Every structure is written in structure tokens, then in C-alpha cells.
């Protein structure tokens, strides 16, 4: 009967595995060493290599003489169909835009009818003041813009379109004489360029 010694078999297996590892490493080193060259690579100076001169005259047979180069006539007027206001840089002229600004608020109410009545009163009062010359000519000569702005639950009557608070102050000083509760508020205004 044959009895095996497990300890000795385990040691032999380990030894065999180690030998395989070392052999693989030795093979890789040999391959890498064999691929490496002992000679240095030579660099070639590109400027030293002469470039061949190619004579293309036998391939090129185009004669430009039949095609004279006529000078451009710079005195001819150019006509086009572009509108004049675009050519003059006035493309945005008459364009209405909504921008942040200021208005003068003169009335606020929950009642819609009261707000509409106040709006009509402001417009008629302004026309009378303007006709009498009580307001400066440079403040809205074409008529005072009056807006009925609704923001729940209030109807607010606001006048003017001003980019700065200082501009709104000039109108406020005129309006406060008749509308004592008038004050300047920031608002989105409409401007025409």
C-alpha cells in the first residue's frame, strides 16, 4: 500500500510555483533585453538635406495675356435696397422697450371705478395745467402718460416714464401741489427710442 505524505507534497507544489514565477520573470527580462538596441539612433538635420528643384514650366501652359486685368471703377454710385434708417445707424429708432425705471403714484384704491375716475381727472388736470402754462414745457409736451396698474387688491394710478429718480422728481414737484399724496415709485417703464 502506498501512503502519501501531504506535507511533502505541499512543499513540492510551492517550490514548483516559485520556480514558474522566477522563470516567467527571467523570460520577460530576456525579451526586453533582446529588443533593446545597443546602437544610438542617429538624428538627421533636415536643413542639411538638399531639396530638389522641380521645373514646372513643362507642365504649366497657362497664358494670362488674353485676360487683361481691368481696374475697378470707383466713381460708380452703388445702389441698394437697404432702408435709409438702417444705413444711418437709426435701426432702433421708434422701438418701444420695457425697462426698469420710476413713476409717480398719485392714487390707490380697491375700487376699479374710482381708479378709472382718478385717471381721467389726472389727464384733464394735466391738459388744463399745460394750456395755462403752469408746467414747464419740457415735461411731457405731447401729453402726460397715465397708467392704471392693478396689483391685487389695489388699482394704482401712476404717471410718467423716467429712467432715473432725479427725472421723476421734476414731475413729482409739479404733481404734489394738486395731489398731496403723490410719491415716486420704482416700476417697469416703457421708453421709445
N, C-alpha and C. Protein backbone atom coordinates (compact mmCIF):
# COMPACT_ATOMS: atom_id res chain seq x y z
N UNK A 1 0.81 -1.17 0.00
CA UNK A 1 0.00 0.00 0.00
C UNK A 1 0.86 1.24 0.00
N UNK A 2 0.33 2.22 -0.71
CA UNK A 2 1.11 3.44 -0.89
C UNK A 2 0.50 4.55 -0.05
N UNK A 3 1.29 5.16 0.87
CA UNK A 3 0.82 6.24 1.74
C UNK A 3 1.51 7.53 1.30
N UNK A 4 0.70 8.54 1.19
CA UNK A 4 1.25 9.83 0.74
C UNK A 4 1.55 10.72 1.92
N UNK A 5 2.57 11.49 1.76
CA UNK A 5 2.92 12.48 2.79
C UNK A 5 2.44 13.84 2.29
N UNK A 6 1.37 14.37 2.92
CA UNK A 6 0.76 15.62 2.47
C UNK A 6 1.66 16.83 2.66
N UNK A 7 2.48 16.80 3.71
CA UNK A 7 3.34 17.95 3.95
C UNK A 7 4.37 18.07 2.85
N UNK A 8 4.95 16.92 2.48
CA UNK A 8 5.97 16.98 1.45
C UNK A 8 5.37 17.37 0.11
N UNK A 9 4.19 16.92 -0.21
CA UNK A 9 3.55 17.28 -1.47
C UNK A 9 3.24 18.77 -1.54
N UNK A 10 2.85 19.35 -0.41
CA UNK A 10 2.56 20.79 -0.36
C UNK A 10 3.81 21.60 -0.59
N UNK A 11 4.94 21.13 0.00
CA UNK A 11 6.20 21.86 -0.19
C UNK A 11 6.65 21.76 -1.64
N UNK A 12 6.49 20.63 -2.23
CA UNK A 12 6.89 20.47 -3.63
C UNK A 12 6.05 21.36 -4.55
N UNK A 13 4.78 21.48 -4.23
CA UNK A 13 3.89 22.33 -5.03
C UNK A 13 4.31 23.79 -4.93
N UNK A 14 4.64 24.24 -3.70
CA UNK A 14 5.10 25.62 -3.52
C UNK A 14 6.39 25.87 -4.28
N UNK A 15 7.29 24.94 -4.21
CA UNK A 15 8.57 25.09 -4.87
C UNK A 15 8.36 25.17 -6.39
N UNK A 16 7.50 24.36 -6.90
CA UNK A 16 7.21 24.39 -8.34
C UNK A 16 6.60 25.72 -8.78
N UNK A 17 5.71 26.26 -7.96
CA UNK A 17 5.07 27.55 -8.28
C UNK A 17 6.12 28.68 -8.27
N UNK A 18 6.99 28.65 -7.28
CA UNK A 18 8.03 29.69 -7.21
C UNK A 18 8.94 29.60 -8.42
N UNK A 19 9.28 28.36 -8.84
CA UNK A 19 10.16 28.18 -9.99
C UNK A 19 9.48 28.72 -11.25
N UNK A 20 8.20 28.54 -11.36
CA UNK A 20 7.46 29.06 -12.51
C UNK A 20 7.46 30.60 -12.54
N UNK A 21 7.29 31.19 -11.40
CA UNK A 21 7.30 32.65 -11.31
C UNK A 21 8.65 33.20 -11.72
N UNK A 22 9.71 32.64 -11.16
CA UNK A 22 11.05 33.11 -11.48
C UNK A 22 11.37 32.90 -12.95
N UNK A 23 10.92 31.81 -13.49
CA UNK A 23 11.15 31.53 -14.91
C UNK A 23 10.45 32.55 -15.80
N UNK A 24 9.22 32.91 -15.44
CA UNK A 24 8.45 33.90 -16.21
C UNK A 24 9.12 35.26 -16.16
N UNK A 25 9.59 35.64 -15.00
CA UNK A 25 10.28 36.94 -14.85
C UNK A 25 11.55 36.94 -15.68
N UNK A 26 12.31 35.83 -15.63
CA UNK A 26 13.56 35.74 -16.38
C UNK A 26 13.28 35.81 -17.88
N UNK A 27 12.20 35.19 -18.32
CA UNK A 27 11.84 35.23 -19.74
C UNK A 27 11.48 36.64 -20.19
N UNK A 28 10.72 37.37 -19.39
CA UNK A 28 10.36 38.75 -19.72
C UNK A 28 11.59 39.64 -19.77
N UNK A 29 12.50 39.47 -18.83
CA UNK A 29 13.72 40.29 -18.83
C UNK A 29 14.54 40.01 -20.09
N UNK A 30 14.63 38.74 -20.47
CA UNK A 30 15.38 38.36 -21.66
C UNK A 30 14.75 38.97 -22.91
N UNK A 31 13.41 38.94 -22.99
CA UNK A 31 12.72 39.52 -24.15
C UNK A 31 12.95 41.02 -24.24
N UNK A 32 12.84 41.70 -23.13
CA UNK A 32 13.04 43.15 -23.12
C UNK A 32 14.48 43.48 -23.47
N UNK A 33 15.41 42.73 -22.93
CA UNK A 33 16.84 42.95 -23.18
C UNK A 33 17.15 42.70 -24.66
N UNK A 34 16.53 41.71 -25.21
CA UNK A 34 16.77 41.38 -26.61
C UNK A 34 16.21 42.42 -27.57
N UNK A 35 15.13 43.07 -27.20
CA UNK A 35 14.52 44.09 -28.07
C UNK A 35 15.28 45.40 -28.01
N UNK A 36 16.02 45.62 -26.95
CA UNK A 36 16.75 46.87 -26.81
C UNK A 36 17.96 46.84 -27.71
N UNK A 37 18.30 47.99 -28.28
CA UNK A 37 19.43 48.08 -29.18
C UNK A 37 20.58 48.75 -28.47
N UNK A 38 21.77 48.32 -28.79
CA UNK A 38 22.94 48.94 -28.17
C UNK A 38 23.42 50.14 -28.98
N UNK A 39 22.90 50.30 -30.18
CA UNK A 39 23.30 51.42 -31.02
C UNK A 39 22.43 52.63 -30.71
N UNK A 40 23.05 53.78 -30.80
CA UNK A 40 22.29 55.01 -30.59
C UNK A 40 21.62 55.39 -31.91
N UNK A 41 20.43 55.98 -31.79
CA UNK A 41 19.74 56.41 -33.00
C UNK A 41 20.37 57.69 -33.52
N UNK A 42 20.48 57.78 -34.80
CA UNK A 42 21.10 58.96 -35.41
C UNK A 42 20.01 59.97 -35.74
N UNK A 43 20.28 61.24 -35.42
CA UNK A 43 19.35 62.30 -35.78
C UNK A 43 19.83 62.96 -37.05
N UNK A 44 18.91 63.26 -37.92
CA UNK A 44 19.24 63.85 -39.21
C UNK A 44 18.81 65.31 -39.19
N UNK A 45 19.72 66.17 -39.56
CA UNK A 45 19.41 67.60 -39.65
C UNK A 45 18.67 67.84 -40.96
N UNK A 46 17.41 68.26 -40.86
CA UNK A 46 16.57 68.43 -42.03
C UNK A 46 17.09 69.55 -42.92
N UNK A 47 17.70 70.54 -42.34
CA UNK A 47 18.21 71.66 -43.13
C UNK A 47 19.38 71.24 -44.01
N UNK A 48 20.06 70.18 -43.61
CA UNK A 48 21.23 69.73 -44.38
C UNK A 48 20.84 68.92 -45.61
N UNK A 49 19.60 68.38 -45.64
CA UNK A 49 19.16 67.58 -46.77
C UNK A 49 18.75 68.53 -47.90
N UNK A 50 19.36 68.40 -49.07
CA UNK A 50 19.02 69.32 -50.17
C UNK A 50 17.63 69.01 -50.72
N UNK A 51 16.88 70.07 -51.02
CA UNK A 51 15.56 69.90 -51.61
C UNK A 51 15.70 69.96 -53.13
N UNK A 52 15.08 69.05 -53.81
CA UNK A 52 15.24 69.03 -55.26
C UNK A 52 14.48 70.19 -55.90
N UNK A 53 15.04 70.76 -56.92
CA UNK A 53 14.41 71.85 -57.66
C UNK A 53 13.57 71.22 -58.76
N UNK A 54 12.29 71.56 -58.76
CA UNK A 54 11.38 71.00 -59.74
C UNK A 54 11.04 72.08 -60.76
N UNK A 55 11.24 71.78 -62.00
CA UNK A 55 10.92 72.70 -63.08
C UNK A 55 9.51 72.38 -63.57
N UNK A 56 8.53 73.29 -63.24
CA UNK A 56 7.14 73.03 -63.62
C UNK A 56 6.77 73.70 -64.94
N UNK A 57 7.73 74.33 -65.60
CA UNK A 57 7.42 75.05 -66.83
C UNK A 57 6.90 74.13 -67.93
N UNK A 58 7.34 72.89 -67.91
CA UNK A 58 6.84 71.99 -68.95
C UNK A 58 5.42 71.50 -68.66
N UNK A 59 4.96 71.66 -67.39
CA UNK A 59 3.59 71.26 -67.04
C UNK A 59 2.62 72.44 -67.11
N UNK A 60 3.12 73.64 -66.90
CA UNK A 60 2.29 74.84 -66.84
C UNK A 60 2.27 75.50 -68.20
N UNK A 61 1.07 75.64 -68.76
CA UNK A 61 0.98 76.27 -70.07
C UNK A 61 -0.11 77.35 -70.11
N UNK A 62 -0.46 77.92 -68.95
CA UNK A 62 -1.48 78.96 -68.89
C UNK A 62 -0.88 80.29 -69.28
N UNK A 63 -1.53 81.01 -70.19
CA UNK A 63 -1.07 82.32 -70.63
C UNK A 63 -2.10 83.35 -70.17
N UNK A 64 -1.75 84.25 -69.23
CA UNK A 64 -2.71 85.23 -68.73
C UNK A 64 -2.93 86.41 -69.68
N UNK A 65 -2.21 86.53 -70.77
CA UNK A 65 -2.31 87.68 -71.67
C UNK A 65 -3.72 87.88 -72.23
N UNK A 66 -4.47 86.83 -72.60
CA UNK A 66 -5.81 87.08 -73.13
C UNK A 66 -6.81 87.59 -72.09
N UNK A 67 -6.42 87.62 -70.83
CA UNK A 67 -7.33 88.04 -69.75
C UNK A 67 -6.78 89.29 -69.08
N UNK A 68 -6.98 90.44 -69.66
CA UNK A 68 -6.43 91.67 -69.06
C UNK A 68 -7.16 92.01 -67.75
N UNK A 69 -6.41 92.59 -66.84
CA UNK A 69 -6.95 92.99 -65.54
C UNK A 69 -7.41 94.43 -65.64
N UNK A 70 -8.73 94.63 -65.69
CA UNK A 70 -9.26 95.99 -65.81
C UNK A 70 -9.40 96.60 -64.42
N UNK A 71 -9.02 97.86 -64.29
CA UNK A 71 -9.14 98.50 -62.97
C UNK A 71 -10.61 98.71 -62.60
N UNK A 72 -10.89 98.70 -61.30
CA UNK A 72 -12.26 98.91 -60.82
C UNK A 72 -12.67 100.36 -61.00
N UNK A 73 -13.93 100.56 -61.34
CA UNK A 73 -14.46 101.91 -61.49
C UNK A 73 -14.98 102.34 -60.12
N UNK A 74 -14.21 103.16 -59.43
CA UNK A 74 -14.57 103.57 -58.08
C UNK A 74 -15.53 104.76 -58.06
N UNK A 75 -15.78 105.36 -59.19
CA UNK A 75 -16.66 106.52 -59.22
C UNK A 75 -18.12 106.15 -59.45
N UNK A 76 -18.42 104.90 -59.71
CA UNK A 76 -19.79 104.48 -59.94
C UNK A 76 -20.53 104.45 -58.61
N UNK A 77 -21.71 105.02 -58.59
CA UNK A 77 -22.53 105.04 -57.37
C UNK A 77 -23.11 103.64 -57.13
N UNK A 78 -23.07 103.22 -55.90
CA UNK A 78 -23.61 101.92 -55.53
C UNK A 78 -25.05 102.11 -55.09
N UNK A 79 -25.94 101.36 -55.69
CA UNK A 79 -27.35 101.43 -55.30
C UNK A 79 -27.73 100.13 -54.61
N UNK A 80 -28.59 100.25 -53.62
CA UNK A 80 -29.05 99.09 -52.87
C UNK A 80 -30.46 99.35 -52.37
N UNK A 81 -31.07 98.33 -51.80
CA UNK A 81 -32.44 98.47 -51.32
C UNK A 81 -32.51 98.45 -49.79
N UNK A 82 -31.43 98.80 -49.12
CA UNK A 82 -31.42 98.86 -47.65
C UNK A 82 -32.07 100.18 -47.23
N UNK A 83 -33.02 100.14 -46.28
CA UNK A 83 -33.68 101.38 -45.85
C UNK A 83 -32.68 102.39 -45.27
N UNK A 84 -32.97 103.66 -45.44
CA UNK A 84 -32.07 104.73 -45.03
C UNK A 84 -31.82 104.72 -43.52
N UNK A 85 -32.85 104.43 -42.71
CA UNK A 85 -32.64 104.47 -41.26
C UNK A 85 -31.67 103.39 -40.79
N UNK A 86 -31.54 102.29 -41.55
CA UNK A 86 -30.55 101.27 -41.22
C UNK A 86 -29.15 101.72 -41.63
N UNK A 87 -29.06 102.35 -42.78
CA UNK A 87 -27.76 102.82 -43.26
C UNK A 87 -27.21 103.95 -42.39
N UNK A 88 -28.09 104.72 -41.79
CA UNK A 88 -27.66 105.84 -40.95
C UNK A 88 -27.49 105.45 -39.50
N UNK A 89 -27.67 104.17 -39.16
CA UNK A 89 -27.49 103.73 -37.78
C UNK A 89 -28.67 104.05 -36.89
N UNK A 90 -29.85 104.19 -37.47
CA UNK A 90 -31.04 104.51 -36.67
C UNK A 90 -32.00 103.33 -36.66
N UNK A 91 -31.50 102.11 -36.55
CA UNK A 91 -32.35 100.92 -36.61
C UNK A 91 -33.29 100.83 -35.42
N UNK A 92 -32.85 101.31 -34.26
CA UNK A 92 -33.68 101.20 -33.06
C UNK A 92 -34.62 102.39 -32.90
N UNK A 93 -34.64 103.29 -33.86
CA UNK A 93 -35.49 104.47 -33.76
C UNK A 93 -36.97 104.07 -33.77
N UNK A 94 -37.71 104.55 -32.81
CA UNK A 94 -39.13 104.25 -32.72
C UNK A 94 -39.43 102.93 -32.02
N UNK A 95 -38.41 102.23 -31.55
CA UNK A 95 -38.59 100.95 -30.88
C UNK A 95 -39.03 101.18 -29.43
N UNK A 96 -40.09 100.49 -29.03
CA UNK A 96 -40.60 100.62 -27.66
C UNK A 96 -40.04 99.47 -26.83
N UNK A 97 -39.51 99.80 -25.65
CA UNK A 97 -38.91 98.80 -24.77
C UNK A 97 -39.42 98.99 -23.34
N UNK A 98 -39.51 97.88 -22.61
CA UNK A 98 -39.83 97.94 -21.18
C UNK A 98 -38.54 97.77 -20.40
N UNK A 99 -38.24 98.77 -19.56
CA UNK A 99 -37.01 98.77 -18.78
C UNK A 99 -37.34 99.18 -17.34
N UNK A 100 -36.46 98.87 -16.39
CA UNK A 100 -36.70 99.33 -15.01
C UNK A 100 -36.53 100.85 -14.93
N UNK A 101 -37.43 101.49 -14.21
CA UNK A 101 -37.38 102.95 -14.07
C UNK A 101 -38.24 103.41 -12.91
N UNK A 102 -38.80 104.63 -13.06
CA UNK A 102 -39.58 105.24 -11.98
C UNK A 102 -40.82 105.91 -12.54
N UNK A 103 -41.86 105.94 -11.70
CA UNK A 103 -43.10 106.68 -11.98
C UNK A 103 -43.54 107.37 -10.71
N UNK A 104 -44.50 108.28 -10.87
CA UNK A 104 -45.07 108.97 -9.70
C UNK A 104 -46.46 108.41 -9.48
N UNK A 105 -46.69 107.83 -8.31
CA UNK A 105 -48.01 107.28 -7.97
C UNK A 105 -48.81 108.36 -7.27
N UNK A 106 -50.07 108.57 -7.75
CA UNK A 106 -50.89 109.64 -7.17
C UNK A 106 -52.18 109.11 -6.55
N UNK A 107 -52.51 107.84 -6.83
CA UNK A 107 -53.79 107.33 -6.32
C UNK A 107 -53.70 105.82 -6.16
N UNK A 108 -54.44 105.31 -5.15
CA UNK A 108 -54.52 103.87 -4.92
C UNK A 108 -55.88 103.57 -4.31
N UNK A 109 -56.55 102.53 -4.84
CA UNK A 109 -57.89 102.18 -4.34
C UNK A 109 -58.20 100.73 -4.67
N UNK A 110 -59.12 100.17 -3.90
CA UNK A 110 -59.61 98.83 -4.18
C UNK A 110 -60.68 98.89 -5.27
N UNK A 111 -61.33 100.02 -5.39
CA UNK A 111 -62.42 100.22 -6.34
C UNK A 111 -61.89 100.51 -7.75
N UNK A 112 -62.31 99.74 -8.73
CA UNK A 112 -61.87 99.94 -10.10
C UNK A 112 -62.43 101.23 -10.68
N UNK A 113 -63.71 101.51 -10.40
CA UNK A 113 -64.35 102.72 -10.92
C UNK A 113 -63.69 103.98 -10.37
N UNK A 114 -63.29 103.94 -9.11
CA UNK A 114 -62.63 105.10 -8.50
C UNK A 114 -61.27 105.33 -9.16
N UNK A 115 -60.57 104.25 -9.49
CA UNK A 115 -59.27 104.38 -10.15
C UNK A 115 -59.42 104.93 -11.56
N UNK A 116 -60.42 104.48 -12.29
CA UNK A 116 -60.66 104.98 -13.65
C UNK A 116 -61.03 106.46 -13.61
N UNK A 117 -61.84 106.85 -12.64
CA UNK A 117 -62.22 108.26 -12.48
C UNK A 117 -60.99 109.11 -12.14
N UNK A 118 -60.14 108.61 -11.26
CA UNK A 118 -58.92 109.34 -10.90
C UNK A 118 -57.99 109.48 -12.11
N UNK A 119 -57.93 108.45 -12.95
CA UNK A 119 -57.11 108.51 -14.15
C UNK A 119 -57.60 109.60 -15.10
N UNK A 120 -58.91 109.68 -15.30
CA UNK A 120 -59.48 110.72 -16.16
C UNK A 120 -59.26 112.10 -15.57
N UNK A 121 -59.38 112.23 -14.25
CA UNK A 121 -59.16 113.53 -13.58
C UNK A 121 -57.72 114.01 -13.77
N UNK A 122 -56.76 113.09 -13.66
CA UNK A 122 -55.35 113.46 -13.82
C UNK A 122 -55.10 113.94 -15.24
N UNK A 123 -55.64 113.24 -16.23
CA UNK A 123 -55.42 113.62 -17.62
C UNK A 123 -56.03 114.98 -17.93
N UNK A 124 -57.25 115.24 -17.47
CA UNK A 124 -57.88 116.53 -17.74
C UNK A 124 -57.17 117.65 -16.96
N UNK A 125 -56.74 117.37 -15.73
CA UNK A 125 -55.99 118.37 -14.95
C UNK A 125 -54.68 118.73 -15.65
N UNK A 126 -53.99 117.73 -16.17
CA UNK A 126 -52.72 117.98 -16.85
C UNK A 126 -52.91 118.84 -18.11
N UNK A 127 -53.97 118.54 -18.88
CA UNK A 127 -54.23 119.35 -20.08
C UNK A 127 -54.49 120.81 -19.71
N UNK A 128 -55.26 121.03 -18.64
CA UNK A 128 -55.53 122.41 -18.19
C UNK A 128 -54.24 123.09 -17.75
N UNK A 129 -53.42 122.39 -16.97
CA UNK A 129 -52.16 122.97 -16.49
C UNK A 129 -51.22 123.30 -17.65
N UNK A 130 -51.20 122.42 -18.61
CA UNK A 130 -50.32 122.63 -19.76
C UNK A 130 -50.82 123.80 -20.60
N UNK A 131 -52.14 123.92 -20.78
CA UNK A 131 -52.72 125.02 -21.56
C UNK A 131 -52.50 126.36 -20.86
N UNK A 132 -52.55 126.37 -19.54
CA UNK A 132 -52.36 127.60 -18.77
C UNK A 132 -50.88 127.97 -18.63
N UNK A 133 -49.98 127.04 -18.99
CA UNK A 133 -48.54 127.30 -18.86
C UNK A 133 -48.05 127.13 -17.44
N UNK A 134 -48.77 126.37 -16.60
CA UNK A 134 -48.39 126.18 -15.21
C UNK A 134 -47.31 125.11 -15.04
N UNK A 135 -47.05 124.34 -16.09
CA UNK A 135 -46.00 123.31 -16.02
C UNK A 135 -44.92 123.66 -17.04
N UNK A 136 -43.69 123.30 -16.75
CA UNK A 136 -42.62 123.56 -17.72
C UNK A 136 -42.88 122.86 -19.05
N UNK A 137 -42.49 123.50 -20.14
CA UNK A 137 -42.74 122.97 -21.47
C UNK A 137 -42.00 121.66 -21.74
N UNK A 138 -40.86 121.45 -21.07
CA UNK A 138 -40.06 120.27 -21.35
C UNK A 138 -40.57 119.00 -20.66
N UNK A 139 -41.56 119.12 -19.78
CA UNK A 139 -42.12 117.94 -19.11
C UNK A 139 -43.35 117.49 -19.89
N UNK A 140 -43.23 116.41 -20.64
CA UNK A 140 -44.29 115.77 -21.42
C UNK A 140 -45.11 116.79 -22.23
N UNK A 141 -44.52 117.41 -23.24
CA UNK A 141 -45.27 118.37 -24.06
C UNK A 141 -46.36 117.70 -24.89
N UNK A 142 -46.23 116.42 -25.21
CA UNK A 142 -47.24 115.73 -26.02
C UNK A 142 -48.36 115.14 -25.18
N UNK A 143 -48.28 115.20 -23.89
CA UNK A 143 -49.32 114.66 -23.00
C UNK A 143 -48.72 113.75 -21.96
N UNK A 144 -49.31 113.79 -20.79
CA UNK A 144 -48.81 113.01 -19.66
C UNK A 144 -49.23 111.55 -19.79
N UNK A 145 -48.28 110.60 -19.78
CA UNK A 145 -48.67 109.19 -19.80
C UNK A 145 -49.19 108.76 -18.43
N UNK A 146 -50.44 108.31 -18.40
CA UNK A 146 -51.09 107.91 -17.15
C UNK A 146 -51.41 106.42 -17.24
N UNK A 147 -51.03 105.66 -16.22
CA UNK A 147 -51.21 104.21 -16.22
C UNK A 147 -52.07 103.79 -15.04
N UNK A 148 -52.99 102.87 -15.32
CA UNK A 148 -53.81 102.26 -14.28
C UNK A 148 -53.22 100.87 -14.05
N UNK A 149 -52.44 100.71 -12.98
CA UNK A 149 -51.71 99.48 -12.69
C UNK A 149 -52.48 98.70 -11.62
N UNK A 150 -52.80 97.45 -11.94
CA UNK A 150 -53.53 96.62 -10.98
C UNK A 150 -52.58 95.59 -10.39
N UNK A 151 -52.49 95.59 -9.07
CA UNK A 151 -51.75 94.58 -8.33
C UNK A 151 -52.63 94.24 -7.14
N UNK A 152 -53.15 93.04 -7.16
CA UNK A 152 -54.19 92.62 -6.22
C UNK A 152 -53.89 93.05 -4.80
N UNK A 153 -54.77 93.68 -4.13
CA UNK A 153 -56.15 94.04 -4.47
C UNK A 153 -56.29 95.50 -4.90
N UNK A 154 -55.18 96.19 -5.18
CA UNK A 154 -55.25 97.63 -5.42
C UNK A 154 -55.12 98.00 -6.89
N UNK A 155 -55.86 99.07 -7.26
CA UNK A 155 -55.69 99.75 -8.53
C UNK A 155 -54.87 101.00 -8.22
N UNK A 156 -53.78 101.16 -8.92
CA UNK A 156 -52.89 102.29 -8.65
C UNK A 156 -52.78 103.14 -9.91
N UNK A 157 -52.88 104.45 -9.73
CA UNK A 157 -52.71 105.38 -10.84
C UNK A 157 -51.30 105.95 -10.75
N UNK A 158 -50.52 105.66 -11.79
CA UNK A 158 -49.13 106.11 -11.85
C UNK A 158 -48.92 106.89 -13.14
N UNK A 159 -48.06 107.91 -13.06
CA UNK A 159 -47.83 108.77 -14.23
C UNK A 159 -46.34 108.86 -14.53
N UNK A 160 -46.06 109.05 -15.82
CA UNK A 160 -44.68 109.28 -16.26
C UNK A 160 -43.91 108.00 -16.54
N UNK A 161 -42.81 108.18 -17.26
CA UNK A 161 -41.84 107.12 -17.55
C UNK A 161 -40.46 107.74 -17.42
N UNK A 162 -39.76 107.41 -16.34
CA UNK A 162 -38.45 108.03 -16.07
C UNK A 162 -37.40 106.96 -15.83
N UNK A 163 -36.22 107.19 -16.39
CA UNK A 163 -35.12 106.25 -16.18
C UNK A 163 -34.43 106.45 -14.83
N UNK A 164 -34.49 107.67 -14.29
CA UNK A 164 -33.83 107.94 -13.01
C UNK A 164 -34.81 108.61 -12.03
N UNK A 165 -34.50 108.49 -10.77
CA UNK A 165 -35.32 109.11 -9.72
C UNK A 165 -35.27 110.64 -9.83
N UNK A 166 -34.14 111.18 -10.25
CA UNK A 166 -34.00 112.63 -10.38
C UNK A 166 -34.95 113.19 -11.44
N UNK A 167 -35.11 112.47 -12.57
CA UNK A 167 -36.05 112.90 -13.60
C UNK A 167 -37.49 112.87 -13.07
N UNK A 168 -37.82 111.84 -12.30
CA UNK A 168 -39.16 111.72 -11.74
C UNK A 168 -39.42 112.81 -10.71
N UNK A 169 -38.37 113.29 -10.06
CA UNK A 169 -38.52 114.34 -9.04
C UNK A 169 -39.07 115.63 -9.63
N UNK A 170 -38.72 115.95 -10.88
CA UNK A 170 -39.23 117.18 -11.52
C UNK A 170 -40.75 117.11 -11.69
N UNK A 171 -41.27 115.96 -12.13
CA UNK A 171 -42.73 115.80 -12.27
C UNK A 171 -43.39 115.74 -10.89
N UNK A 172 -42.75 115.09 -9.94
CA UNK A 172 -43.32 114.97 -8.59
C UNK A 172 -43.53 116.36 -7.97
N UNK A 173 -42.56 117.25 -8.19
CA UNK A 173 -42.70 118.60 -7.60
C UNK A 173 -43.89 119.36 -8.20
N UNK A 174 -44.28 119.06 -9.43
CA UNK A 174 -45.45 119.69 -10.05
C UNK A 174 -46.73 119.01 -9.56
N UNK A 175 -46.74 117.70 -9.50
CA UNK A 175 -47.95 116.96 -9.13
C UNK A 175 -48.32 117.09 -7.65
N UNK A 176 -47.34 117.23 -6.78
CA UNK A 176 -47.62 117.23 -5.34
C UNK A 176 -48.42 118.47 -4.91
N UNK A 177 -48.42 119.52 -5.75
CA UNK A 177 -49.22 120.71 -5.43
C UNK A 177 -50.71 120.41 -5.45
N UNK A 178 -51.13 119.56 -6.40
CA UNK A 178 -52.55 119.22 -6.53
C UNK A 178 -52.86 117.86 -5.90
N UNK A 179 -51.96 116.90 -6.05
CA UNK A 179 -52.15 115.55 -5.50
C UNK A 179 -51.16 115.39 -4.34
N UNK A 180 -51.64 115.70 -3.14
CA UNK A 180 -50.75 115.78 -1.97
C UNK A 180 -50.17 114.42 -1.56
N UNK A 181 -50.80 113.33 -1.95
CA UNK A 181 -50.31 112.00 -1.57
C UNK A 181 -49.36 111.41 -2.61
N UNK A 182 -48.94 112.20 -3.59
CA UNK A 182 -48.08 111.69 -4.66
C UNK A 182 -46.70 111.33 -4.13
N UNK A 183 -46.14 110.23 -4.65
CA UNK A 183 -44.78 109.83 -4.28
C UNK A 183 -44.15 109.04 -5.43
N UNK A 184 -42.83 108.96 -5.44
CA UNK A 184 -42.09 108.30 -6.51
C UNK A 184 -41.94 106.82 -6.18
N UNK A 185 -42.21 105.95 -7.20
CA UNK A 185 -42.11 104.50 -7.01
C UNK A 185 -41.27 103.89 -8.14
N UNK A 186 -40.50 102.86 -7.82
CA UNK A 186 -39.83 102.11 -8.91
C UNK A 186 -40.85 101.28 -9.65
N UNK A 187 -40.73 101.21 -10.98
CA UNK A 187 -41.69 100.50 -11.79
C UNK A 187 -41.04 100.10 -13.12
N UNK A 188 -41.67 99.22 -13.85
CA UNK A 188 -41.23 98.89 -15.20
C UNK A 188 -41.86 99.91 -16.13
N UNK A 189 -41.01 100.64 -16.84
CA UNK A 189 -41.50 101.74 -17.67
C UNK A 189 -41.36 101.39 -19.15
N UNK A 190 -42.02 102.17 -19.99
CA UNK A 190 -41.97 101.99 -21.44
C UNK A 190 -41.25 103.19 -22.02
N UNK A 191 -40.16 102.93 -22.76
CA UNK A 191 -39.45 104.02 -23.40
C UNK A 191 -39.47 103.81 -24.91
N UNK A 192 -39.48 104.90 -25.65
CA UNK A 192 -39.42 104.85 -27.11
C UNK A 192 -38.11 105.50 -27.52
N UNK A 193 -37.33 104.76 -28.29
CA UNK A 193 -36.01 105.28 -28.69
C UNK A 193 -36.14 106.14 -29.92
